[in-house]
Protein backbone atom coordinates (compact mmCIF):
# COMPACT_ATOMS: atom_id res chain seq x y z
CA MET A 1 -1.85 -1.76 -19.01
CA LEU A 2 1.75 -2.63 -18.18
CA MET A 3 3.96 -0.92 -15.63
CA LEU A 4 7.63 -1.38 -16.39
CA TYR A 5 9.97 -1.01 -13.43
CA GLU A 6 13.56 -0.02 -14.16
CA TYR A 7 14.78 -1.84 -11.05
CA ASP A 8 15.12 -5.56 -11.72
CA HIS A 9 13.25 -5.11 -15.05
CA THR A 10 9.96 -6.14 -13.44
CA ILE A 11 6.69 -6.01 -15.40
CA ARG A 12 3.33 -5.52 -13.70
CA ARG A 13 0.02 -6.17 -15.46
CA ILE A 14 -2.99 -4.03 -14.57
CA TYR A 15 -6.19 -5.29 -16.16
CA THR A 16 -8.50 -2.48 -17.28
CA ASP A 17 -11.10 -4.57 -19.09
CA GLY A 18 -13.82 -4.26 -16.44
CA ARG A 19 -13.09 -7.51 -14.60
CA LYS A 20 -13.49 -7.75 -10.82
CA LEU A 21 -10.77 -8.85 -8.41
CA SER A 22 -10.95 -12.53 -7.57
CA ASP A 23 -11.99 -13.53 -4.05
CA ASP A 24 -9.35 -16.27 -4.28
CA PRO A 25 -6.45 -14.74 -6.26
CA ASP A 26 -3.39 -16.63 -7.41
CA ILE A 27 -0.50 -15.56 -5.19
CA SER A 28 2.37 -14.00 -7.15
CA TRP A 29 5.25 -11.54 -6.80
CA MET A 30 3.18 -8.58 -8.07
CA GLY A 31 -0.26 -9.97 -7.20
CA THR A 32 -3.32 -9.38 -9.35
CA SER A 33 -4.17 -5.79 -10.21
CA VAL A 34 -7.39 -4.41 -11.69
CA GLY A 35 -7.71 -0.76 -12.66
CA HIS A 36 -10.44 1.65 -13.66
CA TRP A 37 -10.67 5.36 -14.41
CA GLU A 38 -12.48 7.84 -12.18
CA ASN A 39 -13.27 11.02 -14.04
CA ASP A 40 -10.75 11.82 -16.76
CA ASN A 41 -7.67 12.16 -14.58
CA THR A 42 -7.55 9.44 -11.88
CA LEU A 43 -6.52 5.82 -12.38
CA VAL A 44 -7.59 3.62 -9.45
CA VAL A 45 -5.75 0.28 -9.12
CA ASP A 46 -6.82 -2.44 -6.66
CA THR A 47 -4.37 -5.27 -5.95
CA THR A 48 -4.61 -8.55 -4.02
CA GLY A 49 -2.64 -11.79 -3.91
CA VAL A 50 0.82 -10.27 -3.45
CA ASP A 51 3.43 -12.80 -2.30
CA GLU A 52 4.63 -12.29 1.31
CA ARG A 53 8.26 -12.18 0.14
CA THR A 54 7.79 -8.61 -1.05
CA TRP A 55 7.84 -5.50 1.15
CA LEU A 56 5.62 -2.45 1.04
CA ASP A 57 8.58 -0.11 0.67
CA GLU A 58 12.37 0.15 0.66
CA GLU A 59 12.40 0.28 4.48
CA GLY A 60 11.12 -3.29 4.65
CA HIS A 61 7.64 -2.77 6.08
CA PRO A 62 5.89 -6.13 5.83
CA ARG A 63 2.39 -7.06 4.80
CA SER A 64 0.55 -10.35 4.70
CA VAL A 65 -0.69 -12.28 1.69
CA ASN A 66 -4.21 -11.05 2.62
CA ALA A 67 -3.35 -7.39 2.04
CA LYS A 68 -5.65 -5.31 -0.13
CA ILE A 69 -3.80 -2.44 -1.76
CA GLN A 70 -5.35 0.51 -3.57
CA GLU A 71 -3.35 3.03 -5.57
CA ARG A 72 -4.80 6.26 -6.92
CA TYR A 73 -2.82 8.01 -9.66
CA GLU A 74 -4.21 11.51 -10.16
CA ARG A 75 -2.89 13.78 -12.85
CA ARG A 76 -2.96 17.27 -11.34
CA ASP A 77 -1.70 19.13 -14.39
CA GLN A 78 0.64 18.73 -17.33
CA TYR A 79 3.70 18.23 -15.10
CA ASN A 80 2.42 16.81 -11.80
CA MET A 81 0.92 13.56 -10.60
CA HIS A 82 -0.34 12.78 -7.10
CA VAL A 83 -0.18 9.15 -5.94
CA THR A 84 -2.02 7.82 -2.89
CA VAL A 85 -1.52 4.24 -1.68
CA THR A 86 -3.85 2.64 0.89
CA VAL A 87 -3.03 -0.74 2.44
CA ASP A 88 -5.74 -2.68 4.26
CA ASP A 89 -4.06 -5.53 6.14
CA PRO A 90 -5.29 -6.21 9.71
CA LYS A 91 -2.72 -9.01 10.09
CA ALA A 92 0.22 -6.62 9.57
CA PHE A 93 -1.25 -3.30 10.76
CA ALA A 94 -3.45 -2.63 13.77
CA ALA A 95 -4.10 1.10 13.28
CA ASN A 96 -3.85 3.95 10.79
CA VAL A 97 -0.43 5.59 10.73
């Protein structure tokens, strides 16, 4: 699966072929992402190996190269999608916010 970002024309690859995330991922701008479907309406994407030059958001919140990121894209109905992002990074975050 490819995600195409309008900003900066970035392309992100999400592997959905059943592979597992590497314990020693290659570090890159978008990291390594592996996705799988839960039920018929939720895509779960796990990502590791994201370069430290990138931020979590437009406000500039940092994260370390050891961050584990999980995104859940849930289609609620024909017109609505709910997205949840969880970042596990003890180096950058000490508590849930």
